[in-house]
Each structure stands twice: as structure tokens, then as C-alpha cells.
Amino acid sequence: MRFLPCADSGLLVELADLQEVHALYAALADAPPKGVVDLVPAARTLLLQLDPQCADLRAVEEAVRAAEPREGLRDGGEELEVPVVYDGADLAEVARLTGLTEREVVDKHVGAPWKVAFGGFAPGFGYLTGGPQDLVVPRRTESRTAVPAGSVGLAGAFSGIYPRESPGGWQLIGRTDLQIWNIDRDPPALLRPGVRVRFREIG
């Protein structure tokens, strides 16, 4: 565990892996140290956003070290169903990489108990874990300059949905019309840490 100051009101905790991040996130979410106003998990880090008016950096660090990690990512109690048309440009390539048929790729993606592990890359982009080992595939060797909003992809052990058009190198297997990010909605992001996701094939 390594601590790094982050700007004027943050403390970044570096951990060994995603499992450790989730364990510490679960512990601190239930009992946040004094002055901690938000927790932002990532693949190997946990960012603690602090209230500069009342947070003592040393006291927060001591509280984090003393926290008893809990197993697994805290479940937010929410489940989101995502309707998907599985006609992605990389579906055939994913089938080739995994040794599965395209039908098997879709069935495994639909059948997995996905959960948002953390957010990043772009506002509203959630990194989903929980997929089978069969669907672990590398990123594309060459990124696309523009991936359409709603594109559903795979990269490494993660699945994700592009909240808006952007460059990207994930393997695209489908698309959804669900608006993942909307600044006028409260909260703007549908994919928040702890939200369970079920993909449903349509069309």
C-alpha cells in the first residue's frame, strides 16, 4: 500500500490489484475517515477526495492503514438491464481469438453476472467485471479514431459501453441505444461502481 498526495484535496492509495482496491473501497465506503467526501476506485488505485476544510492528511492515512478490508466490491443494490444488438465489427475476431463461435460469444456475454468495478477513460464509462475467462481478449492492435456511442466492447477481462463517440481500442461486439451518460440526469452515469449489469440480446 502506497500513499500519494493528489492535487490539493486528494489522497491516492496504490494497491496490488483490483481485488485489494475493492476490499479497501468496501471498508471505507461503510466508515469513511473524517474529511473524506468521495471514493473513486480504479484498477490498482483508490482515490480519496478530501474536504480541505476538515481533512487531516496524516490522520486519513492512518485511518486507511487501520481499516479492515472486506471481501468483494460493495453491491449498490441496483441492477441495470442493457439491451444489445450483437453485430459488432469485432465479433468475428473475438470468436477467432477465443476459439468460440460468434453465437457462443454472445451467449457467454449475455449470461455473465457483470458488475461495475470502477469508472474511467471518459465520463460515464464503467469497467465491468464478472465475465468468464473464455471472453478475455486483448485490445485491438490499432485503435479506432471514432467509436460510436453505445458500442459494447471487450478488452482484457473487462466489458464496457462507450458513453459517447470517442477514440478507442476495445473489441466491439455489439451496440445499445441505452443512454449511458446524460449530464441532465441525476445521477448522470448509469454505470457506477457496484451496479450489477445484465446484457439482453435484441434485434
N, C-alpha and C. Protein backbone atom coordinates (compact mmCIF):
# COMPACT_ATOMS: atom_id res chain seq x y z
N MET A 1 0.85 -1.18 0.00
CA MET A 1 0.00 0.00 0.00
C MET A 1 0.90 1.25 0.00
N ARG A 2 0.64 2.13 -0.96
CA ARG A 2 1.45 3.34 -1.10
C ARG A 2 0.53 4.54 -1.19
N PHE A 3 0.89 5.63 -0.51
CA PHE A 3 0.06 6.83 -0.46
C PHE A 3 0.74 7.97 -1.23
N LEU A 4 -0.04 8.65 -2.05
CA LEU A 4 0.47 9.78 -2.82
C LEU A 4 -0.51 10.94 -2.73
N PRO A 5 -0.05 12.13 -2.34
CA PRO A 5 -0.93 13.30 -2.38
C PRO A 5 -1.40 13.54 -3.81
N CYS A 6 -2.64 13.95 -3.96
CA CYS A 6 -3.20 14.19 -5.30
C CYS A 6 -3.82 15.57 -5.32
N ALA A 7 -3.17 16.50 -6.00
CA ALA A 7 -3.60 17.89 -6.06
C ALA A 7 -3.72 18.44 -4.64
N ASP A 8 -4.67 19.35 -4.44
CA ASP A 8 -4.79 20.00 -3.13
C ASP A 8 -5.79 19.30 -2.21
N SER A 9 -6.59 18.41 -2.76
CA SER A 9 -7.65 17.82 -1.94
C SER A 9 -7.87 16.35 -2.23
N GLY A 10 -6.77 15.62 -2.41
CA GLY A 10 -6.92 14.20 -2.67
C GLY A 10 -5.77 13.38 -2.13
N LEU A 11 -6.04 12.12 -1.90
CA LEU A 11 -5.03 11.17 -1.47
C LEU A 11 -5.20 9.91 -2.31
N LEU A 12 -4.16 9.55 -3.04
CA LEU A 12 -4.22 8.37 -3.91
C LEU A 12 -3.55 7.20 -3.21
N VAL A 13 -4.29 6.09 -3.08
CA VAL A 13 -3.77 4.89 -2.45
C VAL A 13 -3.47 3.87 -3.54
N GLU A 14 -2.22 3.48 -3.70
CA GLU A 14 -1.84 2.47 -4.68
C GLU A 14 -1.87 1.10 -4.02
N LEU A 15 -2.49 0.13 -4.71
CA LEU A 15 -2.65 -1.22 -4.17
C LEU A 15 -2.17 -2.25 -5.19
N ALA A 16 -2.14 -3.51 -4.80
CA ALA A 16 -1.55 -4.54 -5.64
C ALA A 16 -2.41 -4.89 -6.85
N ASP A 17 -3.72 -4.92 -6.66
CA ASP A 17 -4.60 -5.36 -7.75
C ASP A 17 -6.02 -4.89 -7.49
N LEU A 18 -6.92 -5.23 -8.42
CA LEU A 18 -8.31 -4.80 -8.33
C LEU A 18 -9.01 -5.39 -7.11
N GLN A 19 -8.65 -6.61 -6.74
CA GLN A 19 -9.27 -7.24 -5.58
C GLN A 19 -8.98 -6.44 -4.31
N GLU A 20 -7.74 -5.98 -4.16
CA GLU A 20 -7.40 -5.17 -2.99
C GLU A 20 -8.12 -3.83 -3.03
N VAL A 21 -8.25 -3.25 -4.20
CA VAL A 21 -8.98 -1.99 -4.33
C VAL A 21 -10.42 -2.16 -3.85
N HIS A 22 -11.07 -3.22 -4.32
CA HIS A 22 -12.46 -3.46 -3.94
C HIS A 22 -12.60 -3.70 -2.44
N ALA A 23 -11.66 -4.44 -1.86
CA ALA A 23 -11.73 -4.74 -0.44
C ALA A 23 -11.60 -3.47 0.41
N LEU A 24 -10.67 -2.61 0.02
CA LEU A 24 -10.49 -1.37 0.77
C LEU A 24 -11.65 -0.40 0.51
N TYR A 25 -12.11 -0.34 -0.73
CA TYR A 25 -13.26 0.51 -1.06
C TYR A 25 -14.47 0.13 -0.23
N ALA A 26 -14.74 -1.18 -0.10
CA ALA A 26 -15.89 -1.63 0.68
C ALA A 26 -15.77 -1.22 2.14
N ALA A 27 -14.57 -1.32 2.70
CA ALA A 27 -14.36 -0.96 4.10
C ALA A 27 -14.55 0.54 4.33
N LEU A 28 -13.97 1.35 3.44
CA LEU A 28 -14.03 2.80 3.63
C LEU A 28 -15.40 3.38 3.27
N ALA A 29 -16.11 2.72 2.36
CA ALA A 29 -17.43 3.22 1.99
C ALA A 29 -18.39 3.13 3.17
N ASP A 30 -18.23 2.09 4.00
CA ASP A 30 -19.09 1.93 5.17
C ASP A 30 -18.69 2.85 6.31
N ALA A 31 -17.41 3.17 6.42
CA ALA A 31 -16.92 4.01 7.52
C ALA A 31 -15.81 4.92 7.00
N PRO A 32 -16.18 5.95 6.24
CA PRO A 32 -15.14 6.83 5.68
C PRO A 32 -14.43 7.63 6.76
N PRO A 33 -13.12 7.78 6.67
CA PRO A 33 -12.39 8.61 7.63
C PRO A 33 -12.89 10.05 7.60
N LYS A 34 -12.72 10.75 8.68
CA LYS A 34 -13.17 12.13 8.78
C LYS A 34 -12.51 12.97 7.69
N GLY A 35 -13.34 13.72 6.98
CA GLY A 35 -12.83 14.59 5.93
C GLY A 35 -12.86 13.99 4.55
N VAL A 36 -13.15 12.68 4.43
CA VAL A 36 -13.23 12.03 3.12
C VAL A 36 -14.64 12.20 2.58
N VAL A 37 -14.77 12.84 1.43
CA VAL A 37 -16.09 13.13 0.87
C VAL A 37 -16.45 12.22 -0.30
N ASP A 38 -15.46 11.55 -0.89
CA ASP A 38 -15.77 10.66 -2.01
C ASP A 38 -14.64 9.65 -2.19
N LEU A 39 -15.00 8.49 -2.75
CA LEU A 39 -14.04 7.42 -3.03
C LEU A 39 -14.15 7.07 -4.50
N VAL A 40 -13.02 7.03 -5.20
CA VAL A 40 -13.02 6.74 -6.63
C VAL A 40 -12.10 5.57 -6.90
N PRO A 41 -12.66 4.34 -7.07
CA PRO A 41 -11.81 3.18 -7.33
C PRO A 41 -11.35 3.13 -8.79
N ALA A 42 -10.20 2.52 -9.01
CA ALA A 42 -9.68 2.24 -10.35
C ALA A 42 -9.07 0.84 -10.33
N ALA A 43 -8.32 0.49 -11.36
CA ALA A 43 -7.81 -0.88 -11.46
C ALA A 43 -6.85 -1.24 -10.34
N ARG A 44 -5.97 -0.30 -9.95
CA ARG A 44 -4.99 -0.58 -8.89
C ARG A 44 -4.85 0.58 -7.92
N THR A 45 -5.77 1.52 -7.96
CA THR A 45 -5.70 2.66 -7.05
C THR A 45 -7.08 2.99 -6.49
N LEU A 46 -7.07 3.68 -5.36
CA LEU A 46 -8.29 4.21 -4.78
C LEU A 46 -8.02 5.67 -4.44
N LEU A 47 -8.77 6.57 -5.06
CA LEU A 47 -8.62 8.00 -4.81
C LEU A 47 -9.59 8.43 -3.73
N LEU A 48 -9.05 9.05 -2.69
CA LEU A 48 -9.87 9.62 -1.63
C LEU A 48 -9.95 11.12 -1.86
N GLN A 49 -11.13 11.62 -2.12
CA GLN A 49 -11.32 13.05 -2.28
C GLN A 49 -11.63 13.64 -0.91
N LEU A 50 -10.90 14.68 -0.54
CA LEU A 50 -10.94 15.21 0.82
C LEU A 50 -11.58 16.59 0.86
N ASP A 51 -12.19 16.88 1.99
CA ASP A 51 -12.66 18.22 2.28
C ASP A 51 -11.49 19.00 2.87
N PRO A 52 -10.92 19.96 2.15
CA PRO A 52 -9.72 20.65 2.63
C PRO A 52 -9.95 21.43 3.92
N GLN A 53 -11.23 21.67 4.25
CA GLN A 53 -11.52 22.45 5.45
C GLN A 53 -11.38 21.62 6.73
N CYS A 54 -11.55 20.29 6.60
CA CYS A 54 -11.55 19.50 7.84
C CYS A 54 -10.70 18.22 7.77
N ALA A 55 -10.12 17.93 6.62
CA ALA A 55 -9.36 16.69 6.49
C ALA A 55 -7.91 16.87 6.94
N ASP A 56 -7.45 15.95 7.75
CA ASP A 56 -6.05 15.91 8.17
C ASP A 56 -5.40 14.76 7.39
N LEU A 57 -4.48 15.09 6.49
CA LEU A 57 -3.91 14.09 5.59
C LEU A 57 -3.28 12.93 6.36
N ARG A 58 -2.52 13.24 7.40
CA ARG A 58 -1.87 12.19 8.18
C ARG A 58 -2.90 11.30 8.90
N ALA A 59 -3.94 11.92 9.44
CA ALA A 59 -4.97 11.17 10.14
C ALA A 59 -5.74 10.27 9.17
N VAL A 60 -6.00 10.79 7.96
CA VAL A 60 -6.70 9.98 6.96
C VAL A 60 -5.85 8.78 6.57
N GLU A 61 -4.55 9.00 6.35
CA GLU A 61 -3.66 7.89 6.00
C GLU A 61 -3.64 6.84 7.11
N GLU A 62 -3.57 7.25 8.35
CA GLU A 62 -3.57 6.31 9.46
C GLU A 62 -4.88 5.53 9.51
N ALA A 63 -6.00 6.21 9.25
CA ALA A 63 -7.30 5.53 9.25
C ALA A 63 -7.40 4.50 8.14
N VAL A 64 -6.83 4.82 6.98
CA VAL A 64 -6.85 3.88 5.86
C VAL A 64 -6.00 2.64 6.20
N ARG A 65 -4.84 2.87 6.79
CA ARG A 65 -3.98 1.75 7.16
C ARG A 65 -4.65 0.85 8.20
N ALA A 66 -5.46 1.44 9.05
CA ALA A 66 -6.11 0.68 10.12
C ALA A 66 -7.41 0.01 9.67
N ALA A 67 -7.91 0.39 8.49
CA ALA A 67 -9.18 -0.17 8.01
C ALA A 67 -9.04 -1.67 7.76
N GLU A 68 -10.10 -2.40 8.05
CA GLU A 68 -10.11 -3.84 7.81
C GLU A 68 -10.78 -4.11 6.47
N PRO A 69 -9.99 -4.48 5.46
CA PRO A 69 -10.56 -4.72 4.13
C PRO A 69 -11.66 -5.79 4.17
N ARG A 70 -12.65 -5.62 3.31
CA ARG A 70 -13.76 -6.57 3.21
C ARG A 70 -13.72 -7.24 1.85
N GLU A 71 -14.22 -8.45 1.82
CA GLU A 71 -14.15 -9.22 0.57
C GLU A 71 -15.17 -8.69 -0.43
N GLY A 72 -14.70 -8.50 -1.65
CA GLY A 72 -15.58 -8.16 -2.75
C GLY A 72 -15.95 -6.70 -2.83
N LEU A 73 -16.54 -6.31 -3.96
CA LEU A 73 -16.99 -4.95 -4.20
C LEU A 73 -18.35 -4.77 -3.57
N ARG A 74 -18.52 -3.66 -2.89
CA ARG A 74 -19.80 -3.36 -2.27
C ARG A 74 -20.88 -3.30 -3.33
N ASP A 75 -21.96 -4.04 -3.12
CA ASP A 75 -23.06 -4.10 -4.07
C ASP A 75 -23.99 -2.92 -3.84
N GLY A 76 -24.17 -2.11 -4.86
CA GLY A 76 -25.03 -0.94 -4.73
C GLY A 76 -26.51 -1.27 -4.68
N GLY A 77 -26.87 -2.56 -4.88
CA GLY A 77 -28.27 -2.94 -4.82
C GLY A 77 -29.02 -2.67 -6.11
N GLU A 78 -28.36 -2.07 -7.09
CA GLU A 78 -29.01 -1.74 -8.35
C GLU A 78 -28.62 -2.74 -9.43
N GLU A 79 -29.57 -3.06 -10.29
CA GLU A 79 -29.27 -3.89 -11.46
C GLU A 79 -29.78 -3.17 -12.69
N LEU A 80 -28.93 -3.08 -13.68
CA LEU A 80 -29.26 -2.40 -14.92
C LEU A 80 -29.33 -3.42 -16.05
N GLU A 81 -30.43 -3.43 -16.76
CA GLU A 81 -30.55 -4.29 -17.94
C GLU A 81 -30.19 -3.48 -19.17
N VAL A 82 -29.28 -4.02 -19.97
CA VAL A 82 -28.80 -3.31 -21.16
C VAL A 82 -29.17 -4.11 -22.41
N PRO A 83 -30.10 -3.60 -23.23
CA PRO A 83 -30.46 -4.28 -24.48
C PRO A 83 -29.37 -4.07 -25.53
N VAL A 84 -28.94 -5.15 -26.16
CA VAL A 84 -27.80 -5.07 -27.10
C VAL A 84 -28.12 -5.78 -28.40
N VAL A 85 -27.79 -5.14 -29.50
CA VAL A 85 -27.76 -5.79 -30.81
C VAL A 85 -26.32 -6.27 -31.01
N TYR A 86 -26.13 -7.57 -31.10
CA TYR A 86 -24.77 -8.13 -31.20
C TYR A 86 -24.35 -8.25 -32.67
N ASP A 87 -23.93 -7.12 -33.22
CA ASP A 87 -23.46 -7.10 -34.60
C ASP A 87 -22.17 -6.29 -34.70
N GLY A 88 -21.36 -6.31 -33.65
CA GLY A 88 -20.15 -5.51 -33.60
C GLY A 88 -19.12 -5.86 -34.64
N ALA A 89 -18.34 -4.87 -35.01
CA ALA A 89 -17.34 -5.05 -36.07
C ALA A 89 -16.27 -6.07 -35.71
N ASP A 90 -16.07 -6.32 -34.41
CA ASP A 90 -15.01 -7.25 -33.99
C ASP A 90 -15.56 -8.57 -33.46
N LEU A 91 -16.85 -8.82 -33.64
CA LEU A 91 -17.43 -10.05 -33.10
C LEU A 91 -16.75 -11.29 -33.69
N ALA A 92 -16.51 -11.28 -34.99
CA ALA A 92 -15.85 -12.43 -35.63
C ALA A 92 -14.42 -12.58 -35.12
N GLU A 93 -13.73 -11.47 -34.90
CA GLU A 93 -12.36 -11.53 -34.40
C GLU A 93 -12.33 -12.06 -32.96
N VAL A 94 -13.29 -11.64 -32.14
CA VAL A 94 -13.37 -12.16 -30.77
C VAL A 94 -13.60 -13.67 -30.79
N ALA A 95 -14.46 -14.11 -31.69
CA ALA A 95 -14.71 -15.55 -31.81
C ALA A 95 -13.41 -16.28 -32.20
N ARG A 96 -12.67 -15.68 -33.12
CA ARG A 96 -11.40 -16.31 -33.54
C ARG A 96 -10.40 -16.35 -32.38
N LEU A 97 -10.29 -15.25 -31.65
CA LEU A 97 -9.33 -15.18 -30.55
C LEU A 97 -9.66 -16.13 -29.41
N THR A 98 -10.94 -16.35 -29.18
CA THR A 98 -11.36 -17.20 -28.05
C THR A 98 -11.57 -18.65 -28.44
N GLY A 99 -11.64 -18.94 -29.74
CA GLY A 99 -11.92 -20.30 -30.17
C GLY A 99 -13.39 -20.66 -30.05
N LEU A 100 -14.24 -19.66 -29.85
CA LEU A 100 -15.67 -19.87 -29.73
C LEU A 100 -16.35 -19.52 -31.04
N THR A 101 -17.60 -19.91 -31.19
CA THR A 101 -18.40 -19.40 -32.30
C THR A 101 -18.95 -18.04 -31.90
N GLU A 102 -19.40 -17.28 -32.89
CA GLU A 102 -19.99 -15.98 -32.57
C GLU A 102 -21.20 -16.15 -31.66
N ARG A 103 -21.97 -17.19 -31.88
CA ARG A 103 -23.14 -17.46 -31.05
C ARG A 103 -22.73 -17.72 -29.61
N GLU A 104 -21.65 -18.45 -29.42
CA GLU A 104 -21.16 -18.74 -28.06
C GLU A 104 -20.63 -17.48 -27.37
N VAL A 105 -19.99 -16.61 -28.14
CA VAL A 105 -19.50 -15.34 -27.57
C VAL A 105 -20.69 -14.54 -27.03
N VAL A 106 -21.74 -14.43 -27.82
CA VAL A 106 -22.92 -13.68 -27.41
C VAL A 106 -23.56 -14.31 -26.18
N ASP A 107 -23.73 -15.63 -26.21
CA ASP A 107 -24.38 -16.32 -25.09
C ASP A 107 -23.60 -16.14 -23.80
N LYS A 108 -22.28 -16.20 -23.88
CA LYS A 108 -21.46 -16.04 -22.68
C LYS A 108 -21.51 -14.59 -22.17
N HIS A 109 -21.55 -13.64 -23.10
CA HIS A 109 -21.63 -12.25 -22.69
C HIS A 109 -22.97 -11.95 -22.02
N VAL A 110 -24.04 -12.48 -22.58
CA VAL A 110 -25.38 -12.28 -22.02
C VAL A 110 -25.53 -13.01 -20.68
N GLY A 111 -24.91 -14.16 -20.56
CA GLY A 111 -25.11 -14.98 -19.36
C GLY A 111 -24.24 -14.61 -18.17
N ALA A 112 -23.28 -13.71 -18.35
CA ALA A 112 -22.34 -13.40 -17.26
C ALA A 112 -22.95 -12.40 -16.26
N PRO A 113 -22.60 -12.55 -14.98
CA PRO A 113 -23.07 -11.61 -13.96
C PRO A 113 -22.14 -10.41 -13.83
N TRP A 114 -22.22 -9.49 -14.76
CA TRP A 114 -21.31 -8.35 -14.80
C TRP A 114 -21.59 -7.38 -13.65
N LYS A 115 -20.56 -6.69 -13.21
CA LYS A 115 -20.69 -5.65 -12.19
C LYS A 115 -19.69 -4.53 -12.50
N VAL A 116 -20.10 -3.29 -12.26
CA VAL A 116 -19.21 -2.15 -12.49
C VAL A 116 -18.13 -2.13 -11.41
N ALA A 117 -16.89 -2.30 -11.82
CA ALA A 117 -15.77 -2.33 -10.87
C ALA A 117 -15.27 -0.93 -10.57
N PHE A 118 -15.21 -0.09 -11.60
CA PHE A 118 -14.77 1.30 -11.43
C PHE A 118 -15.07 2.05 -12.72
N GLY A 119 -14.95 3.37 -12.65
CA GLY A 119 -15.18 4.19 -13.82
C GLY A 119 -13.88 4.80 -14.31
N GLY A 120 -13.89 5.27 -15.54
CA GLY A 120 -12.69 5.90 -16.07
C GLY A 120 -12.75 6.07 -17.56
N PHE A 121 -11.65 6.51 -18.14
CA PHE A 121 -11.48 6.70 -19.59
C PHE A 121 -12.30 7.89 -20.09
N ALA A 122 -13.60 7.91 -19.79
CA ALA A 122 -14.47 9.02 -20.19
C ALA A 122 -15.61 9.10 -19.19
N PRO A 123 -16.23 10.26 -19.02
CA PRO A 123 -17.37 10.35 -18.09
C PRO A 123 -18.45 9.33 -18.43
N GLY A 124 -18.83 8.52 -17.44
CA GLY A 124 -19.87 7.53 -17.65
C GLY A 124 -19.39 6.17 -18.10
N PHE A 125 -18.08 6.05 -18.39
CA PHE A 125 -17.57 4.75 -18.84
C PHE A 125 -17.30 3.87 -17.62
N GLY A 126 -17.97 2.73 -17.54
CA GLY A 126 -17.76 1.80 -16.44
C GLY A 126 -17.02 0.56 -16.89
N TYR A 127 -16.04 0.15 -16.10
CA TYR A 127 -15.31 -1.09 -16.38
C TYR A 127 -16.05 -2.23 -15.69
N LEU A 128 -16.57 -3.17 -16.47
CA LEU A 128 -17.39 -4.25 -15.94
C LEU A 128 -16.56 -5.51 -15.76
N THR A 129 -16.68 -6.11 -14.60
CA THR A 129 -16.01 -7.39 -14.32
C THR A 129 -17.06 -8.46 -14.08
N GLY A 130 -16.61 -9.71 -14.05
CA GLY A 130 -17.52 -10.82 -13.79
C GLY A 130 -17.72 -11.74 -14.97
N GLY A 131 -17.10 -11.40 -16.09
CA GLY A 131 -17.24 -12.23 -17.28
C GLY A 131 -16.41 -13.50 -17.18
N PRO A 132 -16.72 -14.50 -17.99
CA PRO A 132 -15.97 -15.76 -17.97
C PRO A 132 -14.57 -15.59 -18.55
N GLN A 133 -13.68 -16.45 -18.13
CA GLN A 133 -12.30 -16.43 -18.63
C GLN A 133 -12.28 -16.60 -20.15
N ASP A 134 -13.29 -17.28 -20.68
CA ASP A 134 -13.37 -17.50 -22.13
C ASP A 134 -13.41 -16.22 -22.93
N LEU A 135 -13.89 -15.13 -22.32
CA LEU A 135 -14.06 -13.88 -23.05
C LEU A 135 -12.92 -12.89 -22.83
N VAL A 136 -11.84 -13.33 -22.20
CA VAL A 136 -10.68 -12.46 -22.01
C VAL A 136 -9.93 -12.34 -23.34
N VAL A 137 -9.91 -11.13 -23.89
CA VAL A 137 -9.27 -10.90 -25.18
C VAL A 137 -8.43 -9.62 -25.10
N PRO A 138 -7.38 -9.52 -25.90
CA PRO A 138 -6.56 -8.30 -25.89
C PRO A 138 -7.28 -7.15 -26.59
N ARG A 139 -6.84 -5.94 -26.30
CA ARG A 139 -7.31 -4.79 -27.05
C ARG A 139 -6.88 -4.93 -28.52
N ARG A 140 -7.51 -4.18 -29.38
CA ARG A 140 -7.12 -4.18 -30.78
C ARG A 140 -5.68 -3.67 -30.90
N THR A 141 -4.95 -4.18 -31.86
CA THR A 141 -3.58 -3.71 -32.07
C THR A 141 -3.55 -2.28 -32.56
N GLU A 142 -4.63 -1.85 -33.21
CA GLU A 142 -4.73 -0.48 -33.71
C GLU A 142 -6.07 0.10 -33.28
N SER A 143 -6.03 1.19 -32.52
CA SER A 143 -7.26 1.81 -32.03
C SER A 143 -8.02 2.49 -33.16
N ARG A 144 -9.33 2.59 -32.99
CA ARG A 144 -10.16 3.34 -33.93
C ARG A 144 -10.15 4.81 -33.54
N THR A 145 -10.25 5.67 -34.52
CA THR A 145 -10.28 7.11 -34.23
C THR A 145 -11.64 7.55 -33.72
N ALA A 146 -12.69 6.80 -34.06
CA ALA A 146 -14.04 7.15 -33.60
C ALA A 146 -14.86 5.89 -33.39
N VAL A 147 -15.23 5.63 -32.15
CA VAL A 147 -16.12 4.52 -31.80
C VAL A 147 -17.48 5.12 -31.47
N PRO A 148 -18.57 4.66 -32.10
CA PRO A 148 -19.88 5.25 -31.86
C PRO A 148 -20.35 5.09 -30.42
N ALA A 149 -21.11 6.07 -29.95
CA ALA A 149 -21.72 5.98 -28.62
C ALA A 149 -22.61 4.74 -28.55
N GLY A 150 -22.58 4.05 -27.42
CA GLY A 150 -23.40 2.86 -27.24
C GLY A 150 -22.73 1.57 -27.66
N SER A 151 -21.51 1.67 -28.20
CA SER A 151 -20.79 0.47 -28.61
C SER A 151 -20.42 -0.36 -27.38
N VAL A 152 -20.63 -1.66 -27.47
CA VAL A 152 -20.33 -2.59 -26.38
C VAL A 152 -19.07 -3.35 -26.76
N GLY A 153 -18.09 -3.36 -25.87
CA GLY A 153 -16.82 -3.98 -26.22
C GLY A 153 -16.22 -4.82 -25.13
N LEU A 154 -15.13 -5.49 -25.48
CA LEU A 154 -14.34 -6.31 -24.57
C LEU A 154 -12.88 -5.90 -24.68
N ALA A 155 -12.17 -5.93 -23.54
CA ALA A 155 -10.73 -5.67 -23.53
C ALA A 155 -10.17 -6.27 -22.25
N GLY A 156 -9.21 -7.20 -22.40
CA GLY A 156 -8.72 -7.90 -21.22
C GLY A 156 -9.85 -8.66 -20.57
N ALA A 157 -9.97 -8.52 -19.25
CA ALA A 157 -11.05 -9.20 -18.52
C ALA A 157 -12.29 -8.33 -18.37
N PHE A 158 -12.31 -7.16 -19.02
CA PHE A 158 -13.39 -6.20 -18.84
C PHE A 158 -14.34 -6.16 -20.03
N SER A 159 -15.57 -5.76 -19.75
CA SER A 159 -16.51 -5.35 -20.78
C SER A 159 -16.87 -3.90 -20.50
N GLY A 160 -17.33 -3.18 -21.52
CA GLY A 160 -17.65 -1.78 -21.33
C GLY A 160 -18.56 -1.27 -22.42
N ILE A 161 -19.16 -0.11 -22.15
CA ILE A 161 -20.06 0.54 -23.11
C ILE A 161 -19.58 1.98 -23.30
N TYR A 162 -19.31 2.35 -24.53
CA TYR A 162 -18.85 3.71 -24.81
C TYR A 162 -20.01 4.69 -24.59
N PRO A 163 -19.85 5.64 -23.66
CA PRO A 163 -20.95 6.56 -23.36
C PRO A 163 -21.16 7.63 -24.43
N ARG A 164 -20.14 7.89 -25.22
CA ARG A 164 -20.25 8.86 -26.31
C ARG A 164 -19.21 8.51 -27.36
N GLU A 165 -19.32 9.13 -28.54
CA GLU A 165 -18.34 8.84 -29.59
C GLU A 165 -16.96 9.29 -29.14
N SER A 166 -15.99 8.40 -29.30
CA SER A 166 -14.62 8.71 -28.88
C SER A 166 -13.67 7.72 -29.53
N PRO A 167 -12.37 8.03 -29.53
CA PRO A 167 -11.39 7.03 -29.97
C PRO A 167 -11.42 5.84 -29.02
N GLY A 168 -11.00 4.68 -29.50
CA GLY A 168 -10.98 3.53 -28.60
C GLY A 168 -10.40 2.30 -29.26
N GLY A 169 -9.87 1.42 -28.42
CA GLY A 169 -9.24 0.21 -28.93
C GLY A 169 -9.84 -1.09 -28.43
N TRP A 170 -11.07 -1.02 -27.89
CA TRP A 170 -11.70 -2.24 -27.41
C TRP A 170 -12.27 -3.04 -28.58
N GLN A 171 -12.41 -4.34 -28.37
CA GLN A 171 -13.02 -5.21 -29.38
C GLN A 171 -14.53 -5.05 -29.32
N LEU A 172 -15.12 -4.53 -30.39
CA LEU A 172 -16.55 -4.21 -30.41
C LEU A 172 -17.38 -5.42 -30.80
N ILE A 173 -18.33 -5.78 -29.92
CA ILE A 173 -19.16 -6.96 -30.20
C ILE A 173 -20.63 -6.60 -30.38
N GLY A 174 -21.03 -5.37 -30.05
CA GLY A 174 -22.45 -5.02 -30.19
C GLY A 174 -22.67 -3.55 -29.93
N ARG A 175 -23.96 -3.18 -29.83
CA ARG A 175 -24.33 -1.79 -29.61
C ARG A 175 -25.66 -1.71 -28.87
N THR A 176 -25.82 -0.65 -28.10
CA THR A 176 -27.07 -0.41 -27.38
C THR A 176 -27.52 1.03 -27.59
N ASP A 177 -28.84 1.24 -27.55
CA ASP A 177 -29.39 2.59 -27.64
C ASP A 177 -29.56 3.22 -26.27
N LEU A 178 -29.24 2.46 -25.21
CA LEU A 178 -29.38 2.99 -23.86
C LEU A 178 -28.41 4.15 -23.65
N GLN A 179 -28.91 5.25 -23.13
CA GLN A 179 -28.07 6.43 -22.90
C GLN A 179 -27.33 6.24 -21.58
N ILE A 180 -26.06 5.88 -21.68
CA ILE A 180 -25.26 5.54 -20.51
C ILE A 180 -24.89 6.78 -19.70
N TRP A 181 -24.71 7.90 -20.37
CA TRP A 181 -24.30 9.15 -19.70
C TRP A 181 -25.19 10.28 -20.17
N ASN A 182 -25.76 11.01 -19.19
CA ASN A 182 -26.61 12.15 -19.51
C ASN A 182 -26.43 13.20 -18.42
N ILE A 183 -25.81 14.30 -18.75
CA ILE A 183 -25.48 15.32 -17.76
C ILE A 183 -26.73 15.91 -17.11
N ASP A 184 -27.89 15.80 -17.79
CA ASP A 184 -29.13 16.35 -17.25
C ASP A 184 -29.87 15.37 -16.36
N ARG A 185 -29.30 14.18 -16.16
CA ARG A 185 -29.93 13.15 -15.33
C ARG A 185 -29.24 13.12 -13.98
N ASP A 186 -29.96 12.70 -12.94
CA ASP A 186 -29.37 12.59 -11.61
C ASP A 186 -29.52 11.15 -11.10
N PRO A 187 -28.40 10.41 -11.01
CA PRO A 187 -27.04 10.80 -11.37
C PRO A 187 -26.82 10.68 -12.89
N PRO A 188 -25.85 11.39 -13.43
CA PRO A 188 -25.63 11.36 -14.89
C PRO A 188 -25.23 9.99 -15.42
N ALA A 189 -24.47 9.22 -14.63
CA ALA A 189 -23.95 7.93 -15.09
C ALA A 189 -24.83 6.78 -14.63
N LEU A 190 -25.19 5.90 -15.57
CA LEU A 190 -25.91 4.68 -15.19
C LEU A 190 -24.96 3.63 -14.64
N LEU A 191 -23.70 3.65 -15.11
CA LEU A 191 -22.73 2.64 -14.71
C LEU A 191 -21.84 3.20 -13.61
N ARG A 192 -22.21 2.93 -12.37
CA ARG A 192 -21.46 3.39 -11.20
C ARG A 192 -20.94 2.18 -10.44
N PRO A 193 -19.81 2.31 -9.73
CA PRO A 193 -19.26 1.16 -9.01
C PRO A 193 -20.30 0.46 -8.14
N GLY A 194 -20.36 -0.86 -8.29
CA GLY A 194 -21.30 -1.66 -7.51
C GLY A 194 -22.59 -2.00 -8.24
N VAL A 195 -22.90 -1.29 -9.33
CA VAL A 195 -24.12 -1.58 -10.09
C VAL A 195 -23.95 -2.89 -10.86
N ARG A 196 -24.92 -3.77 -10.71
CA ARG A 196 -24.90 -5.04 -11.46
C ARG A 196 -25.51 -4.81 -12.84
N VAL A 197 -24.95 -5.47 -13.84
CA VAL A 197 -25.38 -5.27 -15.23
C VAL A 197 -25.73 -6.60 -15.87
N ARG A 198 -26.90 -6.64 -16.49
CA ARG A 198 -27.32 -7.80 -17.27
C ARG A 198 -27.52 -7.36 -18.71
N PHE A 199 -26.80 -7.99 -19.63
CA PHE A 199 -26.99 -7.70 -21.05
C PHE A 199 -28.11 -8.59 -21.60
N ARG A 200 -28.94 -8.00 -22.44
CA ARG A 200 -30.04 -8.75 -23.08
C ARG A 200 -29.94 -8.58 -24.58
N GLU A 201 -29.94 -9.69 -25.29
CA GLU A 201 -29.84 -9.63 -26.76
C GLU A 201 -31.16 -9.24 -27.37
N ILE A 202 -31.12 -8.31 -28.32
CA ILE A 202 -32.32 -7.89 -29.05
C ILE A 202 -31.99 -7.84 -30.53
N GLY A 203 -33.03 -7.73 -31.33
CA GLY A 203 -32.86 -7.43 -32.76
C GLY A 203 -32.33 -8.55 -33.59
